[in-house]
C-alpha atoms as a PDB file:
ATOM      1  CA  UNK A   1      20.824  -1.589   6.926  1.00  0.00           C
ATOM      2  CA  UNK A   2      19.873  -3.907   4.190  1.00  0.00           C
ATOM      3  CA  UNK A   3      21.670  -7.445   4.455  1.00  0.00           C
ATOM      4  CA  UNK A   4      21.545 -10.068   1.584  1.00  0.00           C
ATOM      5  CA  UNK A   5      23.296 -13.309   1.960  1.00  0.00           C
ATOM      6  CA  UNK A   6      25.182 -11.732   5.236  1.00  0.00           C
ATOM      7  CA  UNK A   7      26.551  -8.613   3.201  1.00  0.00           C
ATOM      8  CA  UNK A   8      25.174  -4.943   3.085  1.00  0.00           C
ATOM      9  CA  UNK A   9      27.661  -4.146   0.084  1.00  0.00           C
ATOM     10  CA  UNK A  10      25.112  -3.941  -2.643  1.00  0.00           C
ATOM     11  CA  UNK A  11      25.778  -1.866  -5.806  1.00  0.00           C
ATOM     12  CA  UNK A  12      23.082  -1.080  -8.428  1.00  0.00           C
ATOM     13  CA  UNK A  13      24.141   0.050 -11.861  1.00  0.00           C
ATOM     14  CA  UNK A  14      22.650   3.537 -12.764  1.00  0.00           C
ATOM     15  CA  UNK A  15      19.247   3.052 -14.134  1.00  0.00           C
ATOM     16  CA  UNK A  16      18.347  -0.299 -12.466  1.00  0.00           C
ATOM     17  CA  UNK A  17      16.232   1.298  -9.824  1.00  0.00           C
ATOM     18  CA  UNK A  18      13.630   4.085 -10.466  1.00  0.00           C
ATOM     19  CA  UNK A  19      14.148   7.284  -8.690  1.00  0.00           C
ATOM     20  CA  UNK A  20      11.366   6.266  -6.307  1.00  0.00           C
ATOM     21  CA  UNK A  21      12.735   2.786  -5.679  1.00  0.00           C
ATOM     22  CA  UNK A  22      16.203   4.283  -4.958  1.00  0.00           C
ATOM     23  CA  UNK A  23      14.653   6.719  -2.480  1.00  0.00           C
ATOM     24  CA  UNK A  24      13.269   3.643  -0.542  1.00  0.00           C
ATOM     25  CA  UNK A  25      16.444   1.711  -0.856  1.00  0.00           C
ATOM     26  CA  UNK A  26      18.593   4.512   0.362  1.00  0.00           C
ATOM     27  CA  UNK A  27      16.452   4.962   3.391  1.00  0.00           C
ATOM     28  CA  UNK A  28      16.392   1.383   4.365  1.00  0.00           C
ATOM     29  CA  UNK A  29      20.039   0.885   3.624  1.00  0.00           C
ATOM     30  CA  UNK A  30      21.002   3.931   5.804  1.00  0.00           C
ATOM     31  CA  UNK A  31      18.871   2.757   8.647  1.00  0.00           C
ATOM     32  CA  UNK A  32      20.407   1.353  11.861  1.00  0.00           C
ATOM     33  CA  UNK A  33      17.808  -1.388  11.871  1.00  0.00           C
ATOM     34  CA  UNK A  34      18.898  -4.390  10.029  1.00  0.00           C
ATOM     35  CA  UNK A  35      16.348  -5.413   7.145  1.00  0.00           C
ATOM     36  CA  UNK A  36      17.203  -8.941   5.949  1.00  0.00           C
ATOM     37  CA  UNK A  37      16.294 -10.474   2.531  1.00  0.00           C
ATOM     38  CA  UNK A  38      16.924 -14.020   1.260  1.00  0.00           C
ATOM     39  CA  UNK A  39      17.658 -12.649  -2.183  1.00  0.00           C
ATOM     40  CA  UNK A  40      18.269  -9.532  -4.531  1.00  0.00           C
ATOM     41  CA  UNK A  41      15.192 -10.572  -6.105  1.00  0.00           C
ATOM     42  CA  UNK A  42      12.972 -10.437  -2.974  1.00  0.00           C
ATOM     43  CA  UNK A  43      14.425  -6.772  -2.504  1.00  0.00           C
ATOM     44  CA  UNK A  44      13.675  -5.727  -5.860  1.00  0.00           C
ATOM     45  CA  UNK A  45      10.210  -7.150  -5.702  1.00  0.00           C
ATOM     46  CA  UNK A  46       9.392  -5.050  -2.563  1.00  0.00           C
ATOM     47  CA  UNK A  47      10.932  -1.884  -4.114  1.00  0.00           C
ATOM     48  CA  UNK A  48       8.571  -2.424  -7.087  1.00  0.00           C
ATOM     49  CA  UNK A  49       5.634  -3.183  -5.021  1.00  0.00           C
ATOM     50  CA  UNK A  50       6.088  -0.154  -3.001  1.00  0.00           C
ATOM     51  CA  UNK A  51       6.347   1.916  -6.213  1.00  0.00           C
ATOM     52  CA  UNK A  52       3.086   0.317  -7.076  1.00  0.00           C
ATOM     53  CA  UNK A  53       1.446   1.291  -3.834  1.00  0.00           C
ATOM     54  CA  UNK A  54       2.417   4.897  -4.511  1.00  0.00           C
ATOM     55  CA  UNK A  55       1.078   4.862  -7.953  1.00  0.00           C
ATOM     56  CA  UNK A  56      -2.093   3.138  -7.166  1.00  0.00           C
ATOM     57  CA  UNK A  57      -2.900   5.718  -4.304  1.00  0.00           C
ATOM     58  CA  UNK A  58      -2.378   8.491  -6.883  1.00  0.00           C
ATOM     59  CA  UNK A  59      -4.769   6.789  -9.096  1.00  0.00           C
ATOM     60  CA  UNK A  60      -7.604   6.173  -6.535  1.00  0.00           C
ATOM     61  CA  UNK A  61      -7.110   9.678  -5.458  1.00  0.00           C
ATOM     62  CA  UNK A  62      -8.365  10.816  -9.127  1.00  0.00           C
ATOM     63  CA  UNK A  63     -10.698   8.019  -9.460  1.00  0.00           C
ATOM     64  CA  UNK A  64     -13.898   9.862  -8.434  1.00  0.00           C
ATOM     65  CA  UNK A  65     -14.697   7.537  -5.368  1.00  0.00           C
ATOM     66  CA  UNK A  66     -16.705   9.256  -2.791  1.00  0.00           C
ATOM     67  CA  UNK A  67     -16.140   9.373   0.927  1.00  0.00           C
ATOM     68  CA  UNK A  68     -18.709   7.587   3.085  1.00  0.00           C
ATOM     69  CA  UNK A  69     -19.039   5.722   6.421  1.00  0.00           C
ATOM     70  CA  UNK A  70     -20.002   2.041   6.782  1.00  0.00           C
ATOM     71  CA  UNK A  71     -23.667   2.839   6.807  1.00  0.00           C
ATOM     72  CA  UNK A  72     -23.557   4.772   3.393  1.00  0.00           C
ATOM     73  CA  UNK A  73     -21.040   2.532   1.481  1.00  0.00           C
ATOM     74  CA  UNK A  74     -21.627   2.165  -2.252  1.00  0.00           C
ATOM     75  CA  UNK A  75     -20.148  -0.240  -4.801  1.00  0.00           C
ATOM     76  CA  UNK A  76     -20.779  -1.626  -8.345  1.00  0.00           C
ATOM     77  CA  UNK A  77     -23.340  -4.367  -8.028  1.00  0.00           C
ATOM     78  CA  UNK A  78     -22.103  -5.922 -11.111  1.00  0.00           C
ATOM     79  CA  UNK A  79     -19.037  -7.039  -9.420  1.00  0.00           C
ATOM     80  CA  UNK A  80     -19.726  -6.701  -5.686  1.00  0.00           C
ATOM     81  CA  UNK A  81     -22.436  -7.920  -3.223  1.00  0.00           C
ATOM     82  CA  UNK A  82     -22.769  -5.202  -0.301  1.00  0.00           C
ATOM     83  CA  UNK A  83     -22.986  -6.863   2.989  1.00  0.00           C
ATOM     84  CA  UNK A  84     -24.998  -5.460   5.867  1.00  0.00           C
ATOM     85  CA  UNK A  85     -21.628  -4.462   7.455  1.00  0.00           C
ATOM     86  CA  UNK A  86     -20.509  -2.372   4.555  1.00  0.00           C
ATOM     87  CA  UNK A  87     -18.083  -4.821   3.171  1.00  0.00           C
ATOM     88  CA  UNK A  88     -17.871  -5.886  -0.540  1.00  0.00           C
ATOM     89  CA  UNK A  89     -18.082  -9.414  -1.287  1.00  0.00           C
ATOM     90  CA  UNK A  90     -16.845 -10.337  -4.870  1.00  0.00           C
ATOM     91  CA  UNK A  91     -19.680 -11.725  -6.972  1.00  0.00           C
ATOM     92  CA  UNK A  92     -19.594 -15.164  -8.098  1.00  0.00           C
ATOM     93  CA  UNK A  93     -18.443 -15.628 -11.654  1.00  0.00           C
ATOM     94  CA  UNK A  94     -16.235 -12.581 -11.746  1.00  0.00           C
ATOM     95  CA  UNK A  95     -12.436 -12.233 -11.691  1.00  0.00           C
ATOM     96  CA  UNK A  96     -10.886 -10.414  -8.742  1.00  0.00           C
ATOM     97  CA  UNK A  97      -8.452  -8.478 -10.994  1.00  0.00           C
ATOM     98  CA  UNK A  98     -11.566  -7.199 -12.930  1.00  0.00           C
ATOM     99  CA  UNK A  99     -13.498  -6.186  -9.673  1.00  0.00           C
ATOM    100  CA  UNK A 100     -10.464  -4.468  -8.416  1.00  0.00           C
ATOM    101  CA  UNK A 101      -9.767  -2.374 -11.734  1.00  0.00           C
ATOM    102  CA  UNK A 102     -13.334  -1.457 -11.941  1.00  0.00           C
ATOM    103  CA  UNK A 103     -13.029   0.753  -8.732  1.00  0.00           C
ATOM    104  CA  UNK A 104     -10.418   2.714 -10.454  1.00  0.00           C
ATOM    105  CA  UNK A 105     -12.256   3.019 -13.920  1.00  0.00           C
ATOM    106  CA  UNK A 106     -15.652   3.426 -12.381  1.00  0.00           C
ATOM    107  CA  UNK A 107     -15.000   5.211  -9.302  1.00  0.00           C
ATOM    108  CA  UNK A 108     -18.196   7.227  -9.261  1.00  0.00           C
ATOM    109  CA  UNK A 109     -20.058   4.002  -8.380  1.00  0.00           C
ATOM    110  CA  UNK A 110     -18.287   3.647  -5.225  1.00  0.00           C
ATOM    111  CA  UNK A 111     -18.282   5.221  -1.747  1.00  0.00           C
ATOM    112  CA  UNK A 112     -16.258   4.025   1.248  1.00  0.00           C
ATOM    113  CA  UNK A 113     -14.192   5.306   4.050  1.00  0.00           C
ATOM    114  CA  UNK A 114     -10.486   5.581   4.639  1.00  0.00           C
ATOM    115  CA  UNK A 115      -9.483   2.134   5.995  1.00  0.00           C
ATOM    116  CA  UNK A 116     -11.287   0.609   3.082  1.00  0.00           C
ATOM    117  CA  UNK A 117      -9.344   2.867   0.567  1.00  0.00           C
ATOM    118  CA  UNK A 118      -6.142   1.644   2.077  1.00  0.00           C
ATOM    119  CA  UNK A 119      -7.052  -2.037   1.238  1.00  0.00           C
ATOM    120  CA  UNK A 120      -8.130  -1.074  -2.275  1.00  0.00           C
ATOM    121  CA  UNK A 121      -4.712   0.454  -2.923  1.00  0.00           C
ATOM    122  CA  UNK A 122      -2.938  -2.582  -1.593  1.00  0.00           C
ATOM    123  CA  UNK A 123      -4.923  -4.901  -3.706  1.00  0.00           C
ATOM    124  CA  UNK A 124      -4.404  -2.935  -6.897  1.00  0.00           C
ATOM    125  CA  UNK A 125      -0.555  -2.645  -5.908  1.00  0.00           C
ATOM    126  CA  UNK A 126      -0.579  -6.520  -5.700  1.00  0.00           C
ATOM    127  CA  UNK A 127      -2.405  -6.862  -8.921  1.00  0.00           C
ATOM    128  CA  UNK A 128       0.124  -4.773 -10.671  1.00  0.00           C
ATOM    129  CA  UNK A 129       3.091  -6.614  -9.074  1.00  0.00           C
ATOM    130  CA  UNK A 130       2.354 -10.254  -9.433  1.00  0.00           C
ATOM    131  CA  UNK A 131       0.962 -12.549 -12.140  1.00  0.00           C
ATOM    132  CA  UNK A 132      -2.733 -11.465 -12.413  1.00  0.00           C
ATOM    133  CA  UNK A 133      -3.573 -15.403 -12.730  1.00  0.00           C
ATOM    134  CA  UNK A 134      -2.149 -15.798  -9.432  1.00  0.00           C
ATOM    135  CA  UNK A 135      -4.016 -12.719  -8.052  1.00  0.00           C
ATOM    136  CA  UNK A 136      -7.317 -14.358  -9.143  1.00  0.00           C
ATOM    137  CA  UNK A 137      -6.183 -17.682  -7.448  1.00  0.00           C
ATOM    138  CA  UNK A 138      -5.021 -16.125  -4.358  1.00  0.00           C
ATOM    139  CA  UNK A 139      -8.273 -13.858  -3.977  1.00  0.00           C
ATOM    140  CA  UNK A 140     -10.951 -15.911  -5.502  1.00  0.00           C
ATOM    141  CA  UNK A 141     -13.296 -15.176  -2.476  1.00  0.00           C
ATOM    142  CA  UNK A 142     -12.048 -11.370  -2.346  1.00  0.00           C
ATOM    143  CA  UNK A 143     -13.700  -9.540   0.492  1.00  0.00           C
ATOM    144  CA  UNK A 144     -13.113  -5.917   0.889  1.00  0.00           C
ATOM    145  CA  UNK A 145     -13.528  -4.006   4.253  1.00  0.00           C
ATOM    146  CA  UNK A 146     -10.831  -2.320   6.590  1.00  0.00           C
ATOM    147  CA  UNK A 147      -7.174  -3.635   6.792  1.00  0.00           C
ATOM    148  CA  UNK A 148      -7.870  -5.154  10.058  1.00  0.00           C
ATOM    149  CA  UNK A 149     -10.241  -7.824   8.402  1.00  0.00           C
ATOM    150  CA  UNK A 150      -8.135  -8.681   5.309  1.00  0.00           C
ATOM    151  CA  UNK A 151      -5.705 -11.304   6.489  1.00  0.00           C
ATOM    152  CA  UNK A 152      -4.902 -12.497   3.039  1.00  0.00           C
ATOM    153  CA  UNK A 153      -2.771  -9.211   2.485  1.00  0.00           C
ATOM    154  CA  UNK A 154      -0.421 -10.825   5.213  1.00  0.00           C
ATOM    155  CA  UNK A 155       0.235  -7.487   6.790  1.00  0.00           C
ATOM    156  CA  UNK A 156       3.096  -7.059   9.083  1.00  0.00           C
ATOM    157  CA  UNK A 157       2.982  -4.845  12.046  1.00  0.00           C
ATOM    158  CA  UNK A 158       5.734  -2.482  12.958  1.00  0.00           C
ATOM    159  CA  UNK A 159       6.463   0.485  15.349  1.00  0.00           C
ATOM    160  CA  UNK A 160       8.602   3.506  15.307  1.00  0.00           C
ATOM    161  CA  UNK A 161       7.223   5.478  12.398  1.00  0.00           C
ATOM    162  CA  UNK A 162      10.462   7.049  11.761  1.00  0.00           C
ATOM    163  CA  UNK A 163      11.526   3.868   9.897  1.00  0.00           C
ATOM    164  CA  UNK A 164       8.351   3.967   7.651  1.00  0.00           C
ATOM    165  CA  UNK A 165       9.026   4.425   3.979  1.00  0.00           C
ATOM    166  CA  UNK A 166       7.089   5.085   0.868  1.00  0.00           C
ATOM    167  CA  UNK A 167       4.231   2.369   0.510  1.00  0.00           C
ATOM    168  CA  UNK A 168       3.696   2.003   4.458  1.00  0.00           C
ATOM    169  CA  UNK A 169       0.295   2.367   5.951  1.00  0.00           C
ATOM    170  CA  UNK A 170       0.118   4.681   8.987  1.00  0.00           C
ATOM    171  CA  UNK A 171      -2.591   6.070  11.310  1.00  0.00           C
ATOM    172  CA  UNK A 172      -3.387   9.670  12.473  1.00  0.00           C
ATOM    173  CA  UNK A 173      -5.434   9.421  15.746  1.00  0.00           C
ATOM    174  CA  UNK A 174      -7.706  12.078  16.893  1.00  0.00           C
ATOM    175  CA  UNK A 175      -8.013  11.094  20.632  1.00  0.00           C
ATOM    176  CA  UNK A 176     -10.589  13.951  21.418  1.00  0.00           C
ATOM    177  CA  UNK A 177     -13.073  13.278  18.445  1.00  0.00           C
ATOM    178  CA  UNK A 178     -16.631  13.861  18.890  1.00  0.00           C
ATOM    179  CA  UNK A 179     -18.206  10.406  19.371  1.00  0.00           C
ATOM    180  CA  UNK A 180     -21.332  11.204  17.246  1.00  0.00           C
ATOM    181  CA  UNK A 181     -19.178  11.494  14.290  1.00  0.00           C
ATOM    182  CA  UNK A 182     -16.967   8.425  14.522  1.00  0.00           C
ATOM    183  CA  UNK A 183     -15.215   9.003  11.157  1.00  0.00           C
ATOM    184  CA  UNK A 184     -13.425  11.747  12.779  1.00  0.00           C
ATOM    185  CA  UNK A 185     -11.530   9.360  15.076  1.00  0.00           C
ATOM    186  CA  UNK A 186      -8.497   9.400  12.820  1.00  0.00           C
ATOM    187  CA  UNK A 187      -7.439   8.880   9.463  1.00  0.00           C
ATOM    188  CA  UNK A 188      -5.584   5.838   7.740  1.00  0.00           C
ATOM    189  CA  UNK A 189      -2.974   6.993   5.317  1.00  0.00           C
ATOM    190  CA  UNK A 190      -0.286   5.740   2.774  1.00  0.00           C
ATOM    191  CA  UNK A 191       3.244   7.333   3.109  1.00  0.00           C
ATOM    192  CA  UNK A 192       4.003   8.887  -0.398  1.00  0.00           C
ATOM    193  CA  UNK A 193       7.080  10.700  -1.834  1.00  0.00           C
ATOM    194  CA  UNK A 194       8.583  13.746  -0.242  1.00  0.00           C
ATOM    195  CA  UNK A 195       6.947  12.918   3.266  1.00  0.00           C
ATOM    196  CA  UNK A 196       3.412  13.290   1.923  1.00  0.00           C
ATOM    197  CA  UNK A 197       0.441  11.122   2.713  1.00  0.00           C
ATOM    198  CA  UNK A 198      -2.394   9.767   0.795  1.00  0.00           C
ATOM    199  CA  UNK A 199      -5.753   9.814   2.773  1.00  0.00           C
ATOM    200  CA  UNK A 200      -9.122   9.147   1.223  1.00  0.00           C
ATOM    201  CA  UNK A 201     -11.051  10.517   4.137  1.00  0.00           C
ATOM    202  CA  UNK A 202     -12.466  14.127   4.565  1.00  0.00           C
ATOM    203  CA  UNK A 203     -11.137  15.088   1.014  1.00  0.00           C
ATOM    204  CA  UNK A 204      -7.558  14.970   1.849  1.00  0.00           C
ATOM    205  CA  UNK A 205      -6.189  13.389  -1.076  1.00  0.00           C
ATOM    206  CA  UNK A 206      -2.209  13.604  -0.990  1.00  0.00           C
ATOM    207  CA  UNK A 207      -1.235  16.264   1.374  1.00  0.00           C
ATOM    208  CA  UNK A 208       1.383  16.818   4.373  1.00  0.00           C
ATOM    209  CA  UNK A 209       1.008  15.333   7.808  1.00  0.00           C
ATOM    210  CA  UNK A 210       0.499  18.821   9.065  1.00  0.00           C
ATOM    211  CA  UNK A 211      -2.557  19.267   7.059  1.00  0.00           C
ATOM    212  CA  UNK A 212      -3.866  15.925   8.130  1.00  0.00           C
ATOM    213  CA  UNK A 213      -3.476  17.054  11.695  1.00  0.00           C
ATOM    214  CA  UNK A 214      -4.981  20.357  11.045  1.00  0.00           C
ATOM    215  CA  UNK A 215      -8.179  18.974   9.473  1.00  0.00           C
ATOM    216  CA  UNK A 216      -8.538  16.612  12.322  1.00  0.00           C
ATOM    217  CA  UNK A 217      -8.079  19.232  15.029  1.00  0.00           C
ATOM    218  CA  UNK A 218     -10.945  21.207  13.528  1.00  0.00           C
ATOM    219  CA  UNK A 219     -13.122  18.209  14.384  1.00  0.00           C
ATOM    220  CA  UNK A 220     -12.385  17.787  18.236  1.00  0.00           C
ATOM    221  CA  UNK A 221     -14.677  17.952  21.238  1.00  0.00           C
ATOM    222  CA  UNK A 222     -15.332  21.742  22.234  1.00  0.00           C
ATOM    223  CA  UNK A 223     -12.368  23.094  24.379  1.00  0.00           C
ATOM    224  CA  UNK A 224      -9.958  20.110  23.601  1.00  0.00           C
ATOM    225  CA  UNK A 225      -6.531  20.914  23.838  1.00  0.00           C
ATOM    226  CA  UNK A 226      -5.329  17.180  22.808  1.00  0.00           C
ATOM    227  CA  UNK A 227      -3.884  17.363  19.260  1.00  0.00           C
ATOM    228  CA  UNK A 228      -4.288  14.859  16.776  1.00  0.00           C
ATOM    229  CA  UNK A 229      -0.977  12.883  16.087  1.00  0.00           C
ATOM    230  CA  UNK A 230       0.786  10.360  13.766  1.00  0.00           C
ATOM    231  CA  UNK A 231       0.865   7.069  15.928  1.00  0.00           C
ATOM    232  CA  UNK A 232       4.021   5.014  15.987  1.00  0.00           C
ATOM    233  CA  UNK A 233       2.360   1.709  14.470  1.00  0.00           C
ATOM    234  CA  UNK A 234       2.388   1.097  10.812  1.00  0.00           C
ATOM    235  CA  UNK A 235       1.796  -1.844   8.581  1.00  0.00           C
ATOM    236  CA  UNK A 236       2.744  -3.220   5.134  1.00  0.00           C
ATOM    237  CA  UNK A 237       2.301  -6.470   3.274  1.00  0.00           C
ATOM    238  CA  UNK A 238       4.733  -9.268   3.709  1.00  0.00           C
ATOM    239  CA  UNK A 239       6.554  -8.580   0.540  1.00  0.00           C
ATOM    240  CA  UNK A 240       8.748 -11.781   0.798  1.00  0.00           C
ATOM    241  CA  UNK A 241       5.633 -13.867   0.727  1.00  0.00           C
ATOM    242  CA  UNK A 242       4.120 -12.277  -2.286  1.00  0.00           C
ATOM    243  CA  UNK A 243       7.408 -12.167  -4.289  1.00  0.00           C
ATOM    244  CA  UNK A 244       6.766 -16.103  -4.818  1.00  0.00           C
ATOM    245  CA  UNK A 245       3.981 -15.023  -7.061  1.00  0.00           C
ATOM    246  CA  UNK A 246       5.974 -12.393  -9.369  1.00  0.00           C
ATOM    247  CA  UNK A 247       4.982 -12.211 -12.853  1.00  0.00           C
ATOM    248  CA  UNK A 248       7.410 -14.647 -14.961  1.00  0.00           C
ATOM    249  CA  UNK A 249       7.534 -11.924 -17.697  1.00  0.00           C
ATOM    250  CA  UNK A 250       9.025  -9.197 -15.375  1.00  0.00           C
ATOM    251  CA  UNK A 251      12.525  -8.084 -16.306  1.00  0.00           C
ATOM    252  CA  UNK A 252      15.305 -10.416 -14.736  1.00  0.00           C
ATOM    253  CA  UNK A 253      18.213  -8.427 -13.323  1.00  0.00           C
ATOM    254  CA  UNK A 254      21.791  -9.657 -13.904  1.00  0.00           C
ATOM    255  CA  UNK A 255      23.328 -10.388 -10.612  1.00  0.00           C
ATOM    256  CA  UNK A 256      27.117 -11.027  -9.715  1.00  0.00           C
ATOM    257  CA  UNK A 257      28.723 -11.483  -6.423  1.00  0.00           C
ATOM    258  CA  UNK A 258      32.523 -10.604  -6.260  1.00  0.00           C
ATOM    259  CA  UNK A 259      33.950 -10.993  -2.736  1.00  0.00           C
ATOM    260  CA  UNK A 260      31.692  -9.062  -0.273  1.00  0.00           C
ATOM    261  CA  UNK A 261      29.995  -7.085  -2.845  1.00  0.00           C
ATOM    262  CA  UNK A 262      26.637  -7.854  -4.670  1.00  0.00           C
ATOM    263  CA  UNK A 263      26.420  -6.089  -8.172  1.00  0.00           C
ATOM    264  CA  UNK A 264      22.834  -5.714  -9.824  1.00  0.00           C
ATOM    265  CA  UNK A 265      22.273  -4.384 -13.300  1.00  0.00           C
ATOM    266  CA  UNK A 266      19.225  -4.289 -15.349  1.00  0.00           C
ATOM    267  CA  UNK A 267      18.789  -7.510 -17.351  1.00  0.00           C
ATOM    268  CA  UNK A 268      16.206  -8.754 -19.945  1.00  0.00           C
ATOM    269  CA  UNK A 269      12.665  -9.436 -20.442  1.00  0.00           C
ATOM    270  CA  UNK A 270      11.630 -12.880 -21.191  1.00  0.00           C
ATOM    271  CA  UNK A 271       9.897 -13.510 -24.551  1.00  0.00           C
ATOM    272  CA  UNK A 272       6.167 -13.340 -24.206  1.00  0.00           C
ATOM    273  CA  UNK A 273       5.718 -16.300 -26.399  1.00  0.00           C
ATOM    274  CA  UNK A 274       7.911 -18.653 -24.075  1.00  0.00           C
END
């Protein structure tokens, strides 16, 4: 259940939310778990950014980026310094937003594994959701690695994957992977529309959970009967934190509170010359 200012009675005028945003909203609104927001604007930002996460995952899946483990990671040396640990450190003098966009427009110059792919998607979604100038300030010393090492994404840990919605990051674990090929240990994925997942590793792209498990199960210890599985843990950025950096030119909704009900309709776009 979604609660804003103590009420769950929220009505969106038709066309206010995109189809994808409405799908996310309805799942959270129909949940037995309470999801509290300090304002309609924070909720709308989350819905918008989750849509951008899905869009960025689709873009990365078509960008031509290669899969590689940390030892064979590649990046465009114009924007990034490749560290000894397979991390991408932003080169001095370059804007973080330009370096992130380069991964999507010059994908064949890059190779990385699934956890870094998730991080790249999240940064691209943030770039599309907040003021680009704020993005450059927040991530001036940008370092790309796995999502465990990117505290600036302000990731929130959750459990019980039945509650996951589009834009959440989940993990398929392969308990009996062959230790000499550690990249078969599991797969970091992003939940997409229609219960599909985006996974960069092993040529998965956008596919079903069943297919992810099938691919991982083909790469287990000989004779293993332990199947790969979707773990309960999932993470997502702290949307309420990043909502403070929304682009000032984004469309402002018209909000009215009547009794216990909050009514929301599409508003206007602030003049770019203001």
